[in-house]
Amino acid sequence: MKIGNYELYPVETGRFALDGGAMFGIIPKPLWGKTNPPDDRNRIELAARALLIIGNGRKILVDNGNGSKFTDKQIDIYRLDMSQYDLDKSLSHYGLTTSDITDVILTHLHFDHAGGSTRRDQGELKPVFANARYYVQQAHWNQAMNPTEKDRGSFMYDDFMPLKEHGVLEFVEGEFEIFPQIFLHVINGHTAAQQLPRVSDGKTSLLFSCDLFPTTSHIPLPYIMAYDLRPLTTLEEKKGILSRAVNEEWVLFFEHDPLTVAGRVKRTGKGYVFDESVSFSE
């Protein structure tokens, strides 16, 4: 997909699974189970899909998946599976390695979004993208340093503390154009200062919808994760983003949907719903 001066590509980093009830909050299982069938431990399959943006002399990656630092116990809990997809193989499909990435925009620091930022090399934790700068909102970093009892388990310090120690982490603040034609939207329902990049040339826009809309099933307003710290804030944020997405015909990029990479939404008499998939070959 081309937008402005950029070529955009999905980067599959693996599959994992989380509890379906937690993923859909107050929505009853008979409803979410139709589109997201759970396994015998009530977990639903999820993608860990990053976005590669190439142009203007940069190779930018938005998020990077779960990474490779999990214990056997954690692999079992989260049903981590990199047998079909992993970060290195996906980048090589585009003729790239991790060393080619110039910038990494981290939407937030939960393990399924930032886990691929670091790796263990002979017992030492090092940045995976050796030549890149990593960007995170200052307010979100503050949240990660002082998590609540509810979200403490989502932060794994080995994923991001080494970035600070190696001097490759940059803090940003608020909504602004971080690179030409790449804008940051900041939302606070899921966690403090989650940043959603939007690539736009004024005609076509693609929003990396991250955990605001983790899957196409999360488009309807009441479908809000139990993981969200402020669900009522999420509700208002969904209304605002969906209104713009419909009115301006944005493409939404889905980080966690195992089947649909990107698509558009529409407004109906019953509210907002997923409309149609958009191919990256368009």
C-alpha atoms as a PDB file:
ATOM      1  CA  MET A   1       0.000   0.000   0.000  1.00  0.00           C
ATOM      2  CA  LYS A   2       1.319   3.429  -0.913  1.00  0.00           C
ATOM      3  CA  ILE A   3       0.327   6.593   0.947  1.00  0.00           C
ATOM      4  CA  GLY A   4       2.134   9.779   0.022  1.00  0.00           C
ATOM      5  CA  ASN A   5       5.863   9.102  -0.058  1.00  0.00           C
ATOM      6  CA  TYR A   6       5.562   5.889   1.944  1.00  0.00           C
ATOM      7  CA  GLU A   7       5.185   2.210   1.146  1.00  0.00           C
ATOM      8  CA  LEU A   8       3.342   0.340   3.934  1.00  0.00           C
ATOM      9  CA  TYR A   9       3.627  -3.373   4.696  1.00  0.00           C
ATOM     10  CA  PRO A  10       2.230  -5.677   7.406  1.00  0.00           C
ATOM     11  CA  VAL A  11       4.850  -7.546   9.427  1.00  0.00           C
ATOM     12  CA  GLU A  12       3.643 -10.736  11.107  1.00  0.00           C
ATOM     13  CA  THR A  13       5.664 -11.534  14.233  1.00  0.00           C
ATOM     14  CA  GLY A  14       3.731 -14.575  15.497  1.00  0.00           C
ATOM     15  CA  ARG A  15       0.511 -15.720  17.070  1.00  0.00           C
ATOM     16  CA  PHE A  16      -0.570 -15.896  20.711  1.00  0.00           C
ATOM     17  CA  ALA A  17      -3.748 -16.266  22.728  1.00  0.00           C
ATOM     18  CA  LEU A  18      -5.505 -14.415  25.547  1.00  0.00           C
ATOM     19  CA  ASP A  19      -8.631 -15.108  27.550  1.00  0.00           C
ATOM     20  CA  GLY A  20     -11.694 -14.339  25.434  1.00  0.00           C
ATOM     21  CA  GLY A  21     -13.658 -12.948  28.345  1.00  0.00           C
ATOM     22  CA  ALA A  22     -10.863 -10.483  29.129  1.00  0.00           C
ATOM     23  CA  MET A  23     -10.657  -9.481  25.479  1.00  0.00           C
ATOM     24  CA  PHE A  24     -14.374  -8.649  25.267  1.00  0.00           C
ATOM     25  CA  GLY A  25     -15.258  -7.353  28.727  1.00  0.00           C
ATOM     26  CA  ILE A  26     -18.997  -7.230  29.355  1.00  0.00           C
ATOM     27  CA  ILE A  27     -19.918  -8.875  26.048  1.00  0.00           C
ATOM     28  CA  PRO A  28     -21.362 -12.381  26.644  1.00  0.00           C
ATOM     29  CA  LYS A  29     -19.403 -15.359  25.348  1.00  0.00           C
ATOM     30  CA  PRO A  30     -22.229 -16.547  23.030  1.00  0.00           C
ATOM     31  CA  LEU A  31     -21.733 -13.298  21.097  1.00  0.00           C
ATOM     32  CA  TRP A  32     -17.952 -12.994  20.875  1.00  0.00           C
ATOM     33  CA  GLY A  33     -17.524 -16.749  20.552  1.00  0.00           C
ATOM     34  CA  LYS A  34     -19.224 -16.693  17.145  1.00  0.00           C
ATOM     35  CA  THR A  35     -16.438 -14.659  15.562  1.00  0.00           C
ATOM     36  CA  ASN A  36     -13.559 -15.531  17.902  1.00  0.00           C
ATOM     37  CA  PRO A  37     -13.941 -19.206  18.909  1.00  0.00           C
ATOM     38  CA  PRO A  38     -12.081 -20.012  22.153  1.00  0.00           C
ATOM     39  CA  ASP A  39      -9.927 -23.047  22.864  1.00  0.00           C
ATOM     40  CA  ASP A  40     -10.460 -25.432  25.775  1.00  0.00           C
ATOM     41  CA  ARG A  41      -8.869 -22.866  28.117  1.00  0.00           C
ATOM     42  CA  ASN A  42     -11.138 -20.037  26.896  1.00  0.00           C
ATOM     43  CA  ARG A  43      -8.328 -18.358  24.958  1.00  0.00           C
ATOM     44  CA  ILE A  44      -8.807 -16.781  21.537  1.00  0.00           C
ATOM     45  CA  GLU A  45      -6.203 -16.626  18.790  1.00  0.00           C
ATOM     46  CA  LEU A  46      -4.553 -13.244  18.252  1.00  0.00           C
ATOM     47  CA  ALA A  47      -2.015 -11.886  15.814  1.00  0.00           C
ATOM     48  CA  ALA A  48       0.993  -9.821  16.834  1.00  0.00           C
ATOM     49  CA  ARG A  49       1.191  -7.728  13.683  1.00  0.00           C
ATOM     50  CA  ALA A  50       3.543  -4.784  13.245  1.00  0.00           C
ATOM     51  CA  LEU A  51       3.461  -2.139  10.530  1.00  0.00           C
ATOM     52  CA  LEU A  52       6.468  -1.341   8.346  1.00  0.00           C
ATOM     53  CA  ILE A  53       6.615   2.154   6.835  1.00  0.00           C
ATOM     54  CA  ILE A  54       9.307   2.826   4.216  1.00  0.00           C
ATOM     55  CA  GLY A  55       9.958   6.240   2.725  1.00  0.00           C
ATOM     56  CA  ASN A  56      11.634   9.623   3.101  1.00  0.00           C
ATOM     57  CA  GLY A  57      14.904   7.836   3.825  1.00  0.00           C
ATOM     58  CA  ARG A  58      13.468   5.927   6.800  1.00  0.00           C
ATOM     59  CA  LYS A  59      12.374   2.410   7.599  1.00  0.00           C
ATOM     60  CA  ILE A  60       9.925   2.729  10.476  1.00  0.00           C
ATOM     61  CA  LEU A  61       8.406  -0.136  12.433  1.00  0.00           C
ATOM     62  CA  VAL A  62       5.289   0.359  14.555  1.00  0.00           C
ATOM     63  CA  ASP A  63       5.373  -2.139  17.463  1.00  0.00           C
ATOM     64  CA  ASN A  64       7.237  -5.448  17.253  1.00  0.00           C
ATOM     65  CA  GLY A  65       5.265  -8.251  18.910  1.00  0.00           C
ATOM     66  CA  ASN A  66       5.973 -10.501  21.864  1.00  0.00           C
ATOM     67  CA  GLY A  67       9.655 -11.159  21.258  1.00  0.00           C
ATOM     68  CA  SER A  68      11.661 -14.251  22.156  1.00  0.00           C
ATOM     69  CA  LYS A  69      12.422 -13.910  25.874  1.00  0.00           C
ATOM     70  CA  PHE A  70       9.517 -15.925  27.320  1.00  0.00           C
ATOM     71  CA  THR A  71       9.909 -18.881  29.649  1.00  0.00           C
ATOM     72  CA  ASP A  72       8.349 -22.249  28.863  1.00  0.00           C
ATOM     73  CA  LYS A  73       5.626 -21.495  31.397  1.00  0.00           C
ATOM     74  CA  GLN A  74       4.797 -18.174  29.735  1.00  0.00           C
ATOM     75  CA  ILE A  75       4.814 -19.787  26.296  1.00  0.00           C
ATOM     76  CA  ASP A  76       2.195 -22.223  27.559  1.00  0.00           C
ATOM     77  CA  ILE A  77       0.080 -19.550  29.276  1.00  0.00           C
ATOM     78  CA  TYR A  78      -0.021 -17.259  26.246  1.00  0.00           C
ATOM     79  CA  ARG A  79       0.051 -20.057  23.629  1.00  0.00           C
ATOM     80  CA  LEU A  80       2.922 -18.303  21.873  1.00  0.00           C
ATOM     81  CA  ASP A  81       3.492 -19.688  18.398  1.00  0.00           C
ATOM     82  CA  MET A  82       6.177 -18.488  15.999  1.00  0.00           C
ATOM     83  CA  SER A  83       6.253 -21.628  13.868  1.00  0.00           C
ATOM     84  CA  GLN A  84       4.631 -19.892  10.912  1.00  0.00           C
ATOM     85  CA  TYR A  85       5.529 -16.243  11.505  1.00  0.00           C
ATOM     86  CA  ASP A  86       8.355 -14.436  13.218  1.00  0.00           C
ATOM     87  CA  LEU A  87       9.883 -10.983  13.013  1.00  0.00           C
ATOM     88  CA  ASP A  88      13.091 -11.927  11.208  1.00  0.00           C
ATOM     89  CA  LYS A  89      11.358 -14.023   8.549  1.00  0.00           C
ATOM     90  CA  SER A  90       8.752 -11.350   7.944  1.00  0.00           C
ATOM     91  CA  LEU A  91      11.352  -8.604   7.524  1.00  0.00           C
ATOM     92  CA  SER A  92      13.415 -10.817   5.209  1.00  0.00           C
ATOM     93  CA  HIS A  93      10.347 -11.146   2.983  1.00  0.00           C
ATOM     94  CA  TYR A  94      10.834  -7.437   2.226  1.00  0.00           C
ATOM     95  CA  GLY A  95      14.601  -7.809   1.864  1.00  0.00           C
ATOM     96  CA  LEU A  96      15.336  -6.316   5.283  1.00  0.00           C
ATOM     97  CA  THR A  97      16.952  -7.265   8.570  1.00  0.00           C
ATOM     98  CA  THR A  98      16.493  -5.750  12.008  1.00  0.00           C
ATOM     99  CA  SER A  99      19.625  -3.655  11.394  1.00  0.00           C
ATOM    100  CA  ASP A 100      17.887  -1.821   8.547  1.00  0.00           C
ATOM    101  CA  ILE A 101      15.156  -0.365  10.783  1.00  0.00           C
ATOM    102  CA  THR A 102      15.807   3.311  11.530  1.00  0.00           C
ATOM    103  CA  ASP A 103      12.909   4.044  13.899  1.00  0.00           C
ATOM    104  CA  VAL A 104      10.546   2.070  16.144  1.00  0.00           C
ATOM    105  CA  ILE A 105       7.309   3.716  17.252  1.00  0.00           C
ATOM    106  CA  LEU A 106       6.051   1.884  20.341  1.00  0.00           C
ATOM    107  CA  THR A 107       2.328   2.425  20.797  1.00  0.00           C
ATOM    108  CA  HIS A 108       2.753   1.394  24.429  1.00  0.00           C
ATOM    109  CA  LEU A 109       4.951  -0.911  26.476  1.00  0.00           C
ATOM    110  CA  HIS A 110       2.726  -3.936  27.102  1.00  0.00           C
ATOM    111  CA  PHE A 111       4.611  -7.144  26.376  1.00  0.00           C
ATOM    112  CA  ASP A 112       2.650  -8.058  23.225  1.00  0.00           C
ATOM    113  CA  HIS A 113       3.574  -4.722  21.627  1.00  0.00           C
ATOM    114  CA  ALA A 114       7.115  -4.046  22.843  1.00  0.00           C
ATOM    115  CA  GLY A 115       8.454  -7.531  23.630  1.00  0.00           C
ATOM    116  CA  GLY A 116      10.384  -7.682  20.370  1.00  0.00           C
ATOM    117  CA  SER A 117      12.335  -4.535  21.252  1.00  0.00           C
ATOM    118  CA  THR A 118      15.080  -6.422  23.095  1.00  0.00           C
ATOM    119  CA  ARG A 119      16.788  -9.808  23.010  1.00  0.00           C
ATOM    120  CA  ARG A 120      19.206 -11.807  25.126  1.00  0.00           C
ATOM    121  CA  ASP A 121      22.698 -12.049  23.679  1.00  0.00           C
ATOM    122  CA  GLN A 122      25.067 -14.198  25.757  1.00  0.00           C
ATOM    123  CA  GLY A 123      23.150 -13.301  28.873  1.00  0.00           C
ATOM    124  CA  GLU A 124      22.966  -9.573  28.134  1.00  0.00           C
ATOM    125  CA  LEU A 125      19.798  -7.741  27.126  1.00  0.00           C
ATOM    126  CA  LYS A 126      20.307  -5.682  23.977  1.00  0.00           C
ATOM    127  CA  PRO A 127      18.102  -3.685  21.590  1.00  0.00           C
ATOM    128  CA  VAL A 128      16.961  -5.828  18.658  1.00  0.00           C
ATOM    129  CA  PHE A 129      17.033  -2.907  16.219  1.00  0.00           C
ATOM    130  CA  ALA A 130      20.639  -1.874  16.695  1.00  0.00           C
ATOM    131  CA  ASN A 131      20.515   1.211  14.479  1.00  0.00           C
ATOM    132  CA  ALA A 132      17.082   2.506  15.469  1.00  0.00           C
ATOM    133  CA  ARG A 133      15.651   5.102  17.800  1.00  0.00           C
ATOM    134  CA  TYR A 134      12.641   3.977  19.832  1.00  0.00           C
ATOM    135  CA  TYR A 135       9.788   6.404  20.574  1.00  0.00           C
ATOM    136  CA  VAL A 136       7.295   6.227  23.453  1.00  0.00           C
ATOM    137  CA  GLN A 137       5.066   8.807  25.092  1.00  0.00           C
ATOM    138  CA  GLN A 138       6.538  10.250  28.299  1.00  0.00           C
ATOM    139  CA  ALA A 139       3.207   9.875  30.106  1.00  0.00           C
ATOM    140  CA  HIS A 140       3.056   6.220  29.174  1.00  0.00           C
ATOM    141  CA  TRP A 141       6.595   5.650  30.420  1.00  0.00           C
ATOM    142  CA  ASN A 142       5.506   7.140  33.732  1.00  0.00           C
ATOM    143  CA  GLN A 143       2.621   4.629  33.819  1.00  0.00           C
ATOM    144  CA  ALA A 144       5.000   1.748  33.134  1.00  0.00           C
ATOM    145  CA  MET A 145       7.257   2.889  35.949  1.00  0.00           C
ATOM    146  CA  ASN A 146       4.296   3.098  38.348  1.00  0.00           C
ATOM    147  CA  PRO A 147       1.744   0.506  37.168  1.00  0.00           C
ATOM    148  CA  THR A 148      -1.460  -0.255  39.009  1.00  0.00           C
ATOM    149  CA  GLU A 149      -2.311  -3.637  40.465  1.00  0.00           C
ATOM    150  CA  LYS A 150      -4.524  -4.168  37.417  1.00  0.00           C
ATOM    151  CA  ASP A 151      -1.941  -3.612  34.683  1.00  0.00           C
ATOM    152  CA  ARG A 152       1.307  -4.595  36.413  1.00  0.00           C
ATOM    153  CA  GLY A 153       1.359  -7.977  34.684  1.00  0.00           C
ATOM    154  CA  SER A 154       1.288  -6.352  31.244  1.00  0.00           C
ATOM    155  CA  PHE A 155       4.675  -4.678  31.713  1.00  0.00           C
ATOM    156  CA  MET A 156       7.862  -6.729  31.478  1.00  0.00           C
ATOM    157  CA  TYR A 157      10.797  -4.488  32.246  1.00  0.00           C
ATOM    158  CA  ASP A 158      13.276  -6.516  30.201  1.00  0.00           C
ATOM    159  CA  ASP A 159      11.343  -5.333  27.138  1.00  0.00           C
ATOM    160  CA  PHE A 160      12.116  -1.653  27.566  1.00  0.00           C
ATOM    161  CA  MET A 161      14.514  -0.784  30.387  1.00  0.00           C
ATOM    162  CA  PRO A 162      17.511  -1.868  28.236  1.00  0.00           C
ATOM    163  CA  LEU A 163      16.431   0.690  25.627  1.00  0.00           C
ATOM    164  CA  LYS A 164      16.893   3.460  28.159  1.00  0.00           C
ATOM    165  CA  GLU A 165      20.142   1.983  29.395  1.00  0.00           C
ATOM    166  CA  HIS A 166      21.540   1.840  25.842  1.00  0.00           C
ATOM    167  CA  GLY A 167      20.470   5.433  25.130  1.00  0.00           C
ATOM    168  CA  VAL A 168      18.198   4.606  22.195  1.00  0.00           C
ATOM    169  CA  LEU A 169      14.865   5.562  23.779  1.00  0.00           C
ATOM    170  CA  GLU A 170      13.261   8.923  23.022  1.00  0.00           C
ATOM    171  CA  PHE A 171      10.298  10.334  24.919  1.00  0.00           C
ATOM    172  CA  VAL A 172       7.661  12.273  23.011  1.00  0.00           C
ATOM    173  CA  GLU A 173       4.702  14.216  24.320  1.00  0.00           C
ATOM    174  CA  GLY A 174       1.223  14.671  22.943  1.00  0.00           C
ATOM    175  CA  GLU A 175      -0.210  14.631  19.447  1.00  0.00           C
ATOM    176  CA  PHE A 176       1.989  15.876  16.625  1.00  0.00           C
ATOM    177  CA  GLU A 177       3.545  14.968  13.270  1.00  0.00           C
ATOM    178  CA  ILE A 178       6.425  12.735  14.343  1.00  0.00           C
ATOM    179  CA  PHE A 179       7.640  12.294  10.743  1.00  0.00           C
ATOM    180  CA  PRO A 180       6.312  13.932   7.560  1.00  0.00           C
ATOM    181  CA  GLN A 181       2.757  12.629   6.942  1.00  0.00           C
ATOM    182  CA  ILE A 182       2.852  10.453  10.097  1.00  0.00           C
ATOM    183  CA  PHE A 183       0.660  11.797  12.887  1.00  0.00           C
ATOM    184  CA  LEU A 184       0.291  10.532  16.459  1.00  0.00           C
ATOM    185  CA  HIS A 185      -3.119  10.239  18.120  1.00  0.00           C
ATOM    186  CA  VAL A 186      -2.913   9.854  21.904  1.00  0.00           C
ATOM    187  CA  ILE A 187      -5.627   7.984  23.808  1.00  0.00           C
ATOM    188  CA  ASN A 188      -5.894   7.065  27.473  1.00  0.00           C
ATOM    189  CA  GLY A 189      -8.620   4.453  27.956  1.00  0.00           C
ATOM    190  CA  HIS A 190      -6.604   1.278  27.523  1.00  0.00           C
ATOM    191  CA  THR A 191      -3.544   2.677  29.271  1.00  0.00           C
ATOM    192  CA  ALA A 192      -2.009   6.092  29.835  1.00  0.00           C
ATOM    193  CA  ALA A 193      -0.931   7.765  26.589  1.00  0.00           C
ATOM    194  CA  GLN A 194      -1.209   4.975  24.052  1.00  0.00           C
ATOM    195  CA  GLN A 195      -0.066   6.518  20.751  1.00  0.00           C
ATOM    196  CA  LEU A 196      -1.713   5.506  17.479  1.00  0.00           C
ATOM    197  CA  PRO A 197       0.230   6.501  14.349  1.00  0.00           C
ATOM    198  CA  ARG A 198      -1.774   7.606  11.317  1.00  0.00           C
ATOM    199  CA  VAL A 199      -0.149   7.821   7.893  1.00  0.00           C
ATOM    200  CA  SER A 200      -1.949  10.345   5.702  1.00  0.00           C
ATOM    201  CA  ASP A 201      -1.327  12.258   2.482  1.00  0.00           C
ATOM    202  CA  GLY A 202      -4.543  14.258   2.784  1.00  0.00           C
ATOM    203  CA  LYS A 203      -6.455  11.856   0.551  1.00  0.00           C
ATOM    204  CA  THR A 204      -5.752   8.422   2.007  1.00  0.00           C
ATOM    205  CA  SER A 205      -5.234   7.721   5.714  1.00  0.00           C
ATOM    206  CA  LEU A 206      -4.275   4.534   7.532  1.00  0.00           C
ATOM    207  CA  LEU A 207      -4.599   4.390  11.323  1.00  0.00           C
ATOM    208  CA  PHE A 208      -2.649   1.827  13.322  1.00  0.00           C
ATOM    209  CA  SER A 209      -5.577   1.119  15.631  1.00  0.00           C
ATOM    210  CA  CYS A 210      -3.646  -0.999  18.145  1.00  0.00           C
ATOM    211  CA  ASP A 211      -5.641  -1.797  21.319  1.00  0.00           C
ATOM    212  CA  LEU A 212      -8.432   0.669  20.628  1.00  0.00           C
ATOM    213  CA  PHE A 213      -9.677  -1.825  18.014  1.00  0.00           C
ATOM    214  CA  PRO A 214      -7.549  -4.935  18.514  1.00  0.00           C
ATOM    215  CA  THR A 215      -9.703  -6.947  16.084  1.00  0.00           C
ATOM    216  CA  THR A 216     -12.535  -6.264  13.658  1.00  0.00           C
ATOM    217  CA  SER A 217     -14.877  -7.693  16.314  1.00  0.00           C
ATOM    218  CA  HIS A 218     -14.052  -4.720  18.567  1.00  0.00           C
ATOM    219  CA  ILE A 219     -15.530  -2.082  16.252  1.00  0.00           C
ATOM    220  CA  PRO A 220     -19.005  -1.911  17.949  1.00  0.00           C
ATOM    221  CA  LEU A 221     -18.907   0.608  20.788  1.00  0.00           C
ATOM    222  CA  PRO A 222     -19.677  -1.741  23.747  1.00  0.00           C
ATOM    223  CA  TYR A 223     -16.927  -4.199  22.748  1.00  0.00           C
ATOM    224  CA  ILE A 224     -14.235  -2.970  25.135  1.00  0.00           C
ATOM    225  CA  MET A 225     -11.515  -5.084  26.708  1.00  0.00           C
ATOM    226  CA  ALA A 226     -11.522  -5.806  30.437  1.00  0.00           C
ATOM    227  CA  TYR A 227      -7.807  -4.974  30.295  1.00  0.00           C
ATOM    228  CA  ASP A 228      -8.606  -1.276  29.756  1.00  0.00           C
ATOM    229  CA  LEU A 229      -7.853   0.910  32.752  1.00  0.00           C
ATOM    230  CA  ARG A 230     -10.583   3.438  31.903  1.00  0.00           C
ATOM    231  CA  PRO A 231     -13.340   1.735  29.866  1.00  0.00           C
ATOM    232  CA  LEU A 232     -15.611   4.785  29.774  1.00  0.00           C
ATOM    233  CA  THR A 233     -12.735   6.816  28.375  1.00  0.00           C
ATOM    234  CA  THR A 234     -12.225   4.093  25.772  1.00  0.00           C
ATOM    235  CA  LEU A 235     -15.905   4.392  24.847  1.00  0.00           C
ATOM    236  CA  GLU A 236     -15.603   8.114  24.155  1.00  0.00           C
ATOM    237  CA  GLU A 237     -12.338   7.609  22.273  1.00  0.00           C
ATOM    238  CA  LYS A 238     -13.949   4.964  20.062  1.00  0.00           C
ATOM    239  CA  LYS A 239     -16.802   7.349  19.229  1.00  0.00           C
ATOM    240  CA  GLY A 240     -14.399  10.097  18.188  1.00  0.00           C
ATOM    241  CA  ILE A 241     -12.069   7.918  16.138  1.00  0.00           C
ATOM    242  CA  LEU A 242     -14.876   5.974  14.442  1.00  0.00           C
ATOM    243  CA  SER A 243     -16.672   9.160  13.456  1.00  0.00           C
ATOM    244  CA  ARG A 244     -13.551  10.443  11.716  1.00  0.00           C
ATOM    245  CA  ALA A 245     -12.766   7.027  10.241  1.00  0.00           C
ATOM    246  CA  VAL A 246     -16.185   6.868   8.598  1.00  0.00           C
ATOM    247  CA  ASN A 247     -16.384  10.505   7.515  1.00  0.00           C
ATOM    248  CA  GLU A 248     -12.839  10.586   6.132  1.00  0.00           C
ATOM    249  CA  GLU A 249     -12.805   6.957   4.895  1.00  0.00           C
ATOM    250  CA  TRP A 250      -9.767   5.922   6.928  1.00  0.00           C
ATOM    251  CA  VAL A 251      -8.293   2.459   6.625  1.00  0.00           C
ATOM    252  CA  LEU A 252      -7.846   0.813  10.035  1.00  0.00           C
ATOM    253  CA  PHE A 253      -4.861  -1.487  10.568  1.00  0.00           C
ATOM    254  CA  PHE A 254      -5.608  -4.337  12.989  1.00  0.00           C
ATOM    255  CA  GLU A 255      -2.680  -5.442  15.122  1.00  0.00           C
ATOM    256  CA  HIS A 256      -4.357  -8.443  16.749  1.00  0.00           C
ATOM    257  CA  ASP A 257      -6.934  -9.745  14.275  1.00  0.00           C
ATOM    258  CA  PRO A 258      -5.690 -13.170  13.109  1.00  0.00           C
ATOM    259  CA  LEU A 259      -7.568 -12.992   9.803  1.00  0.00           C
ATOM    260  CA  THR A 260      -7.982  -9.355   8.766  1.00  0.00           C
ATOM    261  CA  VAL A 261      -5.007  -7.039   8.355  1.00  0.00           C
ATOM    262  CA  ALA A 262      -6.830  -3.837   7.478  1.00  0.00           C
ATOM    263  CA  GLY A 263     -10.211  -2.495   6.459  1.00  0.00           C
ATOM    264  CA  ARG A 264     -12.834   0.200   6.676  1.00  0.00           C
ATOM    265  CA  VAL A 265     -15.810   0.680   8.971  1.00  0.00           C
ATOM    266  CA  LYS A 266     -19.318   2.004   8.398  1.00  0.00           C
ATOM    267  CA  ARG A 267     -22.118   3.539  10.434  1.00  0.00           C
ATOM    268  CA  THR A 268     -25.470   1.721  10.501  1.00  0.00           C
ATOM    269  CA  GLY A 269     -28.760   2.198  12.319  1.00  0.00           C
ATOM    270  CA  LYS A 270     -27.396  -0.059  15.061  1.00  0.00           C
ATOM    271  CA  GLY A 271     -24.032   1.674  15.364  1.00  0.00           C
ATOM    272  CA  TYR A 272     -20.562   1.194  13.925  1.00  0.00           C
ATOM    273  CA  VAL A 273     -19.566  -2.102  12.312  1.00  0.00           C
ATOM    274  CA  PHE A 274     -16.700  -3.468  10.263  1.00  0.00           C
ATOM    275  CA  ASP A 275     -17.411  -2.933   6.570  1.00  0.00           C
ATOM    276  CA  GLU A 276     -14.778  -4.436   4.271  1.00  0.00           C
ATOM    277  CA  SER A 277     -11.184  -5.615   4.147  1.00  0.00           C
ATOM    278  CA  VAL A 278      -8.548  -3.578   2.315  1.00  0.00           C
ATOM    279  CA  SER A 279      -5.683  -5.352   0.594  1.00  0.00           C
ATOM    280  CA  PHE A 280      -2.150  -4.038   0.998  1.00  0.00           C
ATOM    281  CA  SER A 281      -1.571  -4.768  -2.661  1.00  0.00           C
ATOM    282  CA  GLU A 282      -4.002  -1.977  -3.603  1.00  0.00           C
END
